[in-house]
Amino acid sequence: MAAATKAPPKAEVFSLKTPYLSEGRTTEFLARTDLMSVAIKVYSEGGENALHTHLHEDHAFIVLEGEATFWDRPGNETVVSRYQGISLPRGAFYYFKSTGDTNLVLLRVGANDTSWHGETRIDPDGKPLPGHSEANKHIEGVPVPGMFFGA
């Protein structure tokens, strides 16, 4: 009996073009594999305002436009400017806000621990903290018509 053959993986091209926002925030995943995800995130103001960690994922944010201030669990502040990034290993608690005078545009790259099967995003008390939750101060993004980053 012949073994089934699987097609080899192929490269995937993606665009960083994303709408600017008049309010709120957006996340658009651009590429995903079983080990990695790439997303573009836009914040008109605010940020991910609740302290949390990702137990299964190392990830990094790269500032493409604007400025972000990150805080860790003890409250240390790190300002990340355009063309700079911050690496957050799994288990590192953080939150951030847009602190520039333009939309904050971030490229987010994550690498998953595929052996993890529990909660993926938790608060300091160990409770789930979904990214789109009220507890995380989520506000749906409102695009500015005809205005794009990466256009």
N, C-alpha and C. Protein backbone atom coordinates (compact mmCIF):
# COMPACT_ATOMS: atom_id res chain seq x y z
N MET A 1 0.85 -1.17 0.00
CA MET A 1 0.00 0.00 0.00
C MET A 1 0.90 1.24 0.00
N ALA A 2 0.61 2.20 -0.84
CA ALA A 2 1.42 3.41 -0.96
C ALA A 2 1.10 4.38 0.17
N ALA A 3 2.14 5.00 0.67
CA ALA A 3 1.96 6.00 1.72
C ALA A 3 1.37 7.28 1.12
N ALA A 4 0.47 7.90 1.87
CA ALA A 4 -0.11 9.17 1.42
C ALA A 4 0.98 10.24 1.41
N THR A 5 0.98 11.03 0.38
CA THR A 5 1.97 12.10 0.31
C THR A 5 1.30 13.42 0.66
N LYS A 6 2.02 14.21 1.40
CA LYS A 6 1.52 15.51 1.82
C LYS A 6 2.25 16.58 1.02
N ALA A 7 1.50 17.55 0.55
CA ALA A 7 2.11 18.64 -0.22
C ALA A 7 3.06 19.42 0.69
N PRO A 8 4.20 19.82 0.17
CA PRO A 8 5.15 20.59 0.99
C PRO A 8 4.57 21.97 1.31
N PRO A 9 4.97 22.55 2.44
CA PRO A 9 4.47 23.88 2.79
C PRO A 9 4.95 24.91 1.77
N LYS A 10 4.17 25.98 1.64
CA LYS A 10 4.51 27.02 0.68
C LYS A 10 4.60 28.37 1.39
N ALA A 11 5.41 29.25 0.84
CA ALA A 11 5.54 30.61 1.35
C ALA A 11 4.22 31.34 1.18
N GLU A 12 3.99 32.29 2.06
CA GLU A 12 2.77 33.09 2.01
C GLU A 12 3.15 34.57 2.08
N VAL A 13 2.66 35.35 1.15
CA VAL A 13 2.92 36.79 1.12
C VAL A 13 1.74 37.49 1.79
N PHE A 14 2.03 38.51 2.60
CA PHE A 14 0.96 39.29 3.22
C PHE A 14 1.30 40.77 3.15
N SER A 15 0.29 41.59 3.31
CA SER A 15 0.42 43.04 3.25
C SER A 15 0.23 43.64 4.63
N LEU A 16 0.93 44.73 4.91
CA LEU A 16 0.76 45.45 6.18
C LEU A 16 -0.28 46.55 6.07
N LYS A 17 -0.92 46.69 4.92
CA LYS A 17 -1.93 47.73 4.74
C LYS A 17 -3.09 47.48 5.70
N THR A 18 -3.42 48.52 6.46
CA THR A 18 -4.50 48.43 7.43
C THR A 18 -5.09 49.81 7.65
N PRO A 19 -6.38 49.90 7.93
CA PRO A 19 -6.99 51.22 8.10
C PRO A 19 -6.51 51.93 9.37
N TYR A 20 -6.37 53.25 9.26
CA TYR A 20 -6.21 54.08 10.45
C TYR A 20 -7.57 54.14 11.14
N LEU A 21 -7.55 54.45 12.44
CA LEU A 21 -8.78 54.44 13.23
C LEU A 21 -9.07 55.80 13.83
N SER A 22 -10.36 56.12 13.94
CA SER A 22 -10.78 57.33 14.65
C SER A 22 -11.03 57.03 16.12
N GLU A 23 -11.31 55.76 16.43
CA GLU A 23 -11.44 55.32 17.82
C GLU A 23 -11.27 53.81 17.88
N GLY A 24 -10.97 53.32 19.07
CA GLY A 24 -10.87 51.89 19.29
C GLY A 24 -9.58 51.26 18.81
N ARG A 25 -9.65 49.94 18.58
CA ARG A 25 -8.47 49.18 18.17
C ARG A 25 -8.87 47.99 17.32
N THR A 26 -7.92 47.53 16.50
CA THR A 26 -8.15 46.37 15.65
C THR A 26 -6.94 45.45 15.71
N THR A 27 -7.20 44.18 15.45
CA THR A 27 -6.16 43.17 15.28
C THR A 27 -6.52 42.36 14.05
N GLU A 28 -5.60 42.27 13.11
CA GLU A 28 -5.81 41.46 11.92
C GLU A 28 -4.65 40.48 11.80
N PHE A 29 -4.97 39.19 11.87
CA PHE A 29 -3.93 38.18 11.69
C PHE A 29 -3.61 38.08 10.21
N LEU A 30 -2.32 38.20 9.91
CA LEU A 30 -1.85 38.22 8.53
C LEU A 30 -1.37 36.86 8.06
N ALA A 31 -0.84 36.07 8.99
CA ALA A 31 -0.33 34.73 8.66
C ALA A 31 -0.32 33.90 9.94
N ARG A 32 -0.56 32.61 9.79
CA ARG A 32 -0.52 31.69 10.94
C ARG A 32 0.02 30.34 10.49
N THR A 33 0.81 29.76 11.38
CA THR A 33 1.20 28.36 11.24
C THR A 33 0.90 27.71 12.58
N ASP A 34 1.23 26.43 12.72
CA ASP A 34 1.00 25.79 14.01
C ASP A 34 1.94 26.32 15.09
N LEU A 35 3.04 26.97 14.71
CA LEU A 35 4.01 27.48 15.68
C LEU A 35 4.05 29.00 15.77
N MET A 36 3.56 29.72 14.77
CA MET A 36 3.78 31.16 14.70
C MET A 36 2.53 31.89 14.22
N SER A 37 2.38 33.13 14.70
CA SER A 37 1.32 34.00 14.18
C SER A 37 1.91 35.38 13.94
N VAL A 38 1.40 36.06 12.92
CA VAL A 38 1.80 37.42 12.59
C VAL A 38 0.52 38.24 12.48
N ALA A 39 0.47 39.35 13.22
CA ALA A 39 -0.72 40.20 13.20
C ALA A 39 -0.31 41.65 13.11
N ILE A 40 -1.20 42.47 12.54
CA ILE A 40 -1.02 43.91 12.58
C ILE A 40 -2.13 44.45 13.47
N LYS A 41 -1.73 45.32 14.39
CA LYS A 41 -2.65 45.88 15.38
C LYS A 41 -2.62 47.40 15.27
N VAL A 42 -3.79 48.02 15.37
CA VAL A 42 -3.89 49.47 15.32
C VAL A 42 -4.70 49.94 16.52
N TYR A 43 -4.21 51.00 17.17
CA TYR A 43 -4.87 51.60 18.33
C TYR A 43 -5.01 53.09 18.07
N SER A 44 -6.24 53.61 18.13
CA SER A 44 -6.42 55.06 17.98
C SER A 44 -5.95 55.75 19.25
N GLU A 45 -6.11 55.07 20.37
CA GLU A 45 -5.65 55.52 21.68
C GLU A 45 -5.75 54.32 22.61
N GLY A 46 -5.32 54.48 23.83
CA GLY A 46 -5.41 53.38 24.77
C GLY A 46 -4.46 52.26 24.42
N GLY A 47 -4.86 51.03 24.70
CA GLY A 47 -4.01 49.89 24.43
C GLY A 47 -4.60 48.65 25.05
N GLU A 48 -3.76 47.71 25.38
CA GLU A 48 -4.19 46.54 26.13
C GLU A 48 -3.96 46.93 27.59
N ASN A 49 -5.02 47.37 28.24
CA ASN A 49 -4.92 48.09 29.49
C ASN A 49 -5.02 47.24 30.74
N ALA A 50 -5.10 45.95 30.63
CA ALA A 50 -5.17 45.09 31.81
C ALA A 50 -3.91 44.21 31.85
N LEU A 51 -3.29 44.16 33.00
CA LEU A 51 -2.10 43.35 33.18
C LEU A 51 -2.43 41.89 32.88
N HIS A 52 -1.62 41.26 32.03
CA HIS A 52 -1.87 39.87 31.64
C HIS A 52 -0.58 39.23 31.15
N THR A 53 -0.65 37.92 30.95
CA THR A 53 0.44 37.17 30.34
C THR A 53 -0.14 36.12 29.40
N HIS A 54 0.70 35.66 28.51
CA HIS A 54 0.37 34.56 27.61
C HIS A 54 1.23 33.38 28.07
N LEU A 55 0.59 32.35 28.60
CA LEU A 55 1.34 31.23 29.17
C LEU A 55 1.93 30.30 28.13
N HIS A 56 1.43 30.36 26.90
CA HIS A 56 1.87 29.41 25.87
C HIS A 56 2.62 30.06 24.72
N GLU A 57 2.89 31.36 24.82
CA GLU A 57 3.41 32.04 23.64
C GLU A 57 4.48 33.07 23.98
N ASP A 58 5.62 32.97 23.32
CA ASP A 58 6.60 34.05 23.29
C ASP A 58 6.12 34.98 22.18
N HIS A 59 6.19 36.28 22.40
CA HIS A 59 5.79 37.18 21.33
C HIS A 59 6.55 38.49 21.41
N ALA A 60 6.46 39.23 20.31
CA ALA A 60 7.14 40.51 20.21
C ALA A 60 6.22 41.49 19.52
N PHE A 61 6.35 42.75 19.93
CA PHE A 61 5.66 43.86 19.27
C PHE A 61 6.72 44.75 18.63
N ILE A 62 6.51 45.13 17.39
CA ILE A 62 7.38 46.06 16.69
C ILE A 62 6.53 47.28 16.35
N VAL A 63 6.97 48.47 16.79
CA VAL A 63 6.22 49.69 16.53
C VAL A 63 6.54 50.18 15.11
N LEU A 64 5.52 50.21 14.28
CA LEU A 64 5.67 50.69 12.90
C LEU A 64 5.32 52.17 12.80
N GLU A 65 4.43 52.63 13.67
CA GLU A 65 4.06 54.04 13.72
C GLU A 65 3.54 54.34 15.12
N GLY A 66 3.84 55.54 15.60
CA GLY A 66 3.39 55.95 16.93
C GLY A 66 4.41 55.59 18.00
N GLU A 67 3.91 55.47 19.21
CA GLU A 67 4.75 55.14 20.36
C GLU A 67 3.91 54.35 21.34
N ALA A 68 4.51 53.35 21.98
CA ALA A 68 3.81 52.54 22.98
C ALA A 68 4.62 52.55 24.28
N THR A 69 3.91 52.64 25.39
CA THR A 69 4.56 52.48 26.69
C THR A 69 4.05 51.19 27.29
N PHE A 70 4.99 50.33 27.67
CA PHE A 70 4.69 49.02 28.26
C PHE A 70 5.02 49.08 29.75
N TRP A 71 4.21 48.38 30.54
CA TRP A 71 4.47 48.22 31.96
C TRP A 71 4.51 46.74 32.28
N ASP A 72 5.41 46.34 33.18
CA ASP A 72 5.48 44.94 33.59
C ASP A 72 4.81 44.78 34.95
N ARG A 73 4.88 43.57 35.52
CA ARG A 73 4.17 43.29 36.77
C ARG A 73 4.62 44.15 37.94
N PRO A 74 5.91 44.44 38.12
CA PRO A 74 6.24 45.34 39.22
C PRO A 74 5.96 46.81 38.91
N GLY A 75 5.55 47.12 37.68
CA GLY A 75 5.24 48.50 37.32
C GLY A 75 6.34 49.25 36.61
N ASN A 76 7.40 48.54 36.20
CA ASN A 76 8.46 49.19 35.42
C ASN A 76 7.91 49.62 34.07
N GLU A 77 8.33 50.80 33.62
CA GLU A 77 7.84 51.41 32.38
C GLU A 77 8.92 51.34 31.30
N THR A 78 8.50 50.93 30.09
CA THR A 78 9.40 50.90 28.94
C THR A 78 8.71 51.57 27.76
N VAL A 79 9.32 52.63 27.23
CA VAL A 79 8.78 53.32 26.06
C VAL A 79 9.40 52.70 24.81
N VAL A 80 8.56 52.34 23.86
CA VAL A 80 9.01 51.74 22.61
C VAL A 80 8.55 52.66 21.47
N SER A 81 9.53 53.19 20.74
CA SER A 81 9.25 54.15 19.68
C SER A 81 9.24 53.48 18.32
N ARG A 82 8.93 54.26 17.30
CA ARG A 82 8.87 53.78 15.92
C ARG A 82 10.16 53.05 15.55
N TYR A 83 9.99 51.90 14.92
CA TYR A 83 11.07 51.02 14.46
C TYR A 83 11.82 50.35 15.61
N GLN A 84 11.23 50.35 16.78
CA GLN A 84 11.77 49.59 17.91
C GLN A 84 10.76 48.50 18.25
N GLY A 85 11.21 47.52 19.01
CA GLY A 85 10.34 46.45 19.42
C GLY A 85 10.59 46.03 20.84
N ILE A 86 9.70 45.19 21.33
CA ILE A 86 9.85 44.62 22.67
C ILE A 86 9.51 43.15 22.58
N SER A 87 10.33 42.32 23.21
CA SER A 87 10.14 40.88 23.24
C SER A 87 9.56 40.48 24.59
N LEU A 88 8.50 39.67 24.57
CA LEU A 88 7.82 39.25 25.79
C LEU A 88 7.77 37.73 25.83
N PRO A 89 8.64 37.12 26.64
CA PRO A 89 8.62 35.67 26.74
C PRO A 89 7.35 35.20 27.45
N ARG A 90 6.91 33.98 27.15
CA ARG A 90 5.71 33.45 27.81
C ARG A 90 5.89 33.53 29.32
N GLY A 91 4.82 33.91 29.98
CA GLY A 91 4.84 34.07 31.43
C GLY A 91 5.17 35.47 31.91
N ALA A 92 5.63 36.35 31.01
CA ALA A 92 5.94 37.74 31.39
C ALA A 92 4.64 38.55 31.41
N PHE A 93 4.34 39.16 32.55
CA PHE A 93 3.15 40.00 32.66
C PHE A 93 3.43 41.38 32.10
N TYR A 94 2.43 41.94 31.40
CA TYR A 94 2.58 43.28 30.81
C TYR A 94 1.22 43.86 30.48
N TYR A 95 1.22 45.15 30.25
CA TYR A 95 0.15 45.85 29.56
C TYR A 95 0.78 47.05 28.88
N PHE A 96 0.07 47.65 27.92
CA PHE A 96 0.64 48.80 27.22
C PHE A 96 -0.44 49.77 26.81
N LYS A 97 0.00 50.99 26.50
CA LYS A 97 -0.87 52.04 25.99
C LYS A 97 -0.16 52.77 24.86
N SER A 98 -0.96 53.32 23.97
CA SER A 98 -0.44 54.23 22.95
C SER A 98 -0.13 55.55 23.64
N THR A 99 1.12 56.00 23.53
CA THR A 99 1.51 57.25 24.18
C THR A 99 2.06 58.27 23.20
N GLY A 100 1.87 58.02 21.91
CA GLY A 100 2.28 58.97 20.89
C GLY A 100 1.11 59.85 20.48
N ASP A 101 1.33 60.67 19.47
CA ASP A 101 0.29 61.59 19.03
C ASP A 101 -0.34 61.16 17.70
N THR A 102 -0.11 59.91 17.29
CA THR A 102 -0.73 59.34 16.09
C THR A 102 -1.30 57.98 16.45
N ASN A 103 -1.98 57.35 15.50
CA ASN A 103 -2.39 55.96 15.71
C ASN A 103 -1.15 55.13 16.03
N LEU A 104 -1.29 54.17 16.91
CA LEU A 104 -0.23 53.21 17.20
C LEU A 104 -0.44 52.02 16.27
N VAL A 105 0.55 51.74 15.43
CA VAL A 105 0.49 50.60 14.52
C VAL A 105 1.60 49.64 14.94
N LEU A 106 1.21 48.43 15.30
CA LEU A 106 2.15 47.42 15.78
C LEU A 106 2.13 46.19 14.89
N LEU A 107 3.30 45.63 14.67
CA LEU A 107 3.41 44.30 14.09
C LEU A 107 3.64 43.37 15.26
N ARG A 108 2.81 42.33 15.39
CA ARG A 108 2.92 41.38 16.50
C ARG A 108 3.27 40.02 15.93
N VAL A 109 4.35 39.43 16.43
CA VAL A 109 4.77 38.10 16.01
C VAL A 109 4.79 37.22 17.25
N GLY A 110 4.13 36.07 17.17
CA GLY A 110 4.07 35.15 18.29
C GLY A 110 4.53 33.77 17.90
N ALA A 111 5.17 33.09 18.86
CA ALA A 111 5.61 31.70 18.66
C ALA A 111 4.96 30.86 19.74
N ASN A 112 4.18 29.88 19.34
CA ASN A 112 3.37 29.08 20.25
C ASN A 112 4.10 27.87 20.81
N ASP A 113 3.85 27.59 22.08
CA ASP A 113 4.26 26.33 22.70
C ASP A 113 3.12 25.34 22.43
N THR A 114 3.31 24.47 21.47
CA THR A 114 2.23 23.58 21.04
C THR A 114 1.88 22.51 22.07
N SER A 115 2.68 22.38 23.13
CA SER A 115 2.34 21.39 24.16
C SER A 115 1.36 21.96 25.19
N TRP A 116 1.12 23.28 25.15
CA TRP A 116 0.24 23.92 26.14
C TRP A 116 -1.22 23.72 25.74
N HIS A 117 -2.05 23.29 26.70
CA HIS A 117 -3.47 23.04 26.42
C HIS A 117 -4.39 23.72 27.42
N GLY A 118 -3.87 24.62 28.27
CA GLY A 118 -4.70 25.32 29.24
C GLY A 118 -5.11 26.69 28.75
N GLU A 119 -5.47 27.55 29.69
CA GLU A 119 -5.81 28.94 29.35
C GLU A 119 -4.62 29.58 28.67
N THR A 120 -4.89 30.46 27.74
CA THR A 120 -3.80 31.05 26.97
C THR A 120 -3.44 32.47 27.39
N ARG A 121 -4.38 33.19 27.94
CA ARG A 121 -4.17 34.60 28.31
C ARG A 121 -4.81 34.79 29.66
N ILE A 122 -4.01 35.10 30.68
CA ILE A 122 -4.54 35.17 32.04
C ILE A 122 -4.14 36.47 32.73
N ASP A 123 -4.92 36.83 33.76
CA ASP A 123 -4.61 38.00 34.57
C ASP A 123 -3.71 37.56 35.74
N PRO A 124 -3.26 38.48 36.58
CA PRO A 124 -2.36 38.11 37.67
C PRO A 124 -2.95 37.13 38.69
N ASP A 125 -4.28 37.01 38.72
CA ASP A 125 -4.93 36.06 39.63
C ASP A 125 -5.11 34.68 39.00
N GLY A 126 -4.62 34.51 37.76
CA GLY A 126 -4.73 33.23 37.08
C GLY A 126 -6.06 33.02 36.37
N LYS A 127 -6.88 34.06 36.28
CA LYS A 127 -8.18 33.96 35.62
C LYS A 127 -8.05 34.34 34.15
N PRO A 128 -8.86 33.72 33.28
CA PRO A 128 -8.81 34.06 31.86
C PRO A 128 -9.09 35.55 31.63
N LEU A 129 -8.38 36.14 30.69
CA LEU A 129 -8.57 37.55 30.33
C LEU A 129 -8.58 37.66 28.81
N PRO A 130 -9.74 37.42 28.20
CA PRO A 130 -9.81 37.52 26.73
C PRO A 130 -9.47 38.93 26.25
N GLY A 131 -8.76 39.01 25.12
CA GLY A 131 -8.33 40.29 24.57
C GLY A 131 -9.47 41.22 24.21
N HIS A 132 -10.60 40.67 23.77
CA HIS A 132 -11.74 41.50 23.36
C HIS A 132 -12.73 41.71 24.50
N SER A 133 -12.30 41.53 25.73
CA SER A 133 -13.22 41.63 26.86
C SER A 133 -13.32 43.05 27.40
N GLU A 134 -14.39 43.30 28.12
CA GLU A 134 -14.57 44.58 28.80
C GLU A 134 -13.48 44.77 29.86
N ALA A 135 -13.09 43.68 30.52
CA ALA A 135 -12.03 43.76 31.54
C ALA A 135 -10.71 44.23 30.95
N ASN A 136 -10.50 43.95 29.67
CA ASN A 136 -9.28 44.39 28.99
C ASN A 136 -9.51 45.74 28.29
N LYS A 137 -10.63 46.36 28.60
CA LYS A 137 -10.97 47.70 28.08
C LYS A 137 -11.00 47.74 26.55
N HIS A 138 -11.54 46.68 25.95
CA HIS A 138 -11.61 46.61 24.49
C HIS A 138 -12.66 47.59 23.96
N ILE A 139 -12.29 48.31 22.91
CA ILE A 139 -13.21 49.19 22.17
C ILE A 139 -13.04 48.85 20.69
N GLU A 140 -14.14 48.50 20.04
CA GLU A 140 -14.07 48.14 18.62
C GLU A 140 -13.51 49.30 17.81
N GLY A 141 -12.67 48.97 16.84
CA GLY A 141 -12.06 49.97 15.99
C GLY A 141 -13.03 50.56 14.98
N VAL A 142 -12.93 51.85 14.77
CA VAL A 142 -13.73 52.55 13.76
C VAL A 142 -12.75 53.10 12.72
N PRO A 143 -12.75 52.51 11.52
CA PRO A 143 -11.82 52.95 10.47
C PRO A 143 -12.10 54.38 10.01
N VAL A 144 -11.03 55.09 9.66
CA VAL A 144 -11.15 56.40 9.02
C VAL A 144 -11.28 56.12 7.53
N PRO A 145 -12.39 56.50 6.90
CA PRO A 145 -12.58 56.18 5.49
C PRO A 145 -11.43 56.68 4.61
N GLY A 146 -10.87 55.77 3.80
CA GLY A 146 -9.84 56.13 2.84
C GLY A 146 -8.44 56.37 3.41
N MET A 147 -8.23 56.16 4.70
CA MET A 147 -6.93 56.41 5.33
C MET A 147 -6.33 55.07 5.78
N PHE A 148 -5.11 54.77 5.27
CA PHE A 148 -4.49 53.48 5.54
C PHE A 148 -3.02 53.64 5.91
N PHE A 149 -2.56 52.79 6.80
CA PHE A 149 -1.13 52.60 7.01
C PHE A 149 -0.68 51.59 5.97
N GLY A 150 0.51 51.79 5.40
CA GLY A 150 1.06 50.82 4.46
C GLY A 150 0.47 50.88 3.07
N ALA A 151 -0.24 51.96 2.78
CA ALA A 151 -0.87 52.06 1.46
C ALA A 151 0.10 52.62 0.44
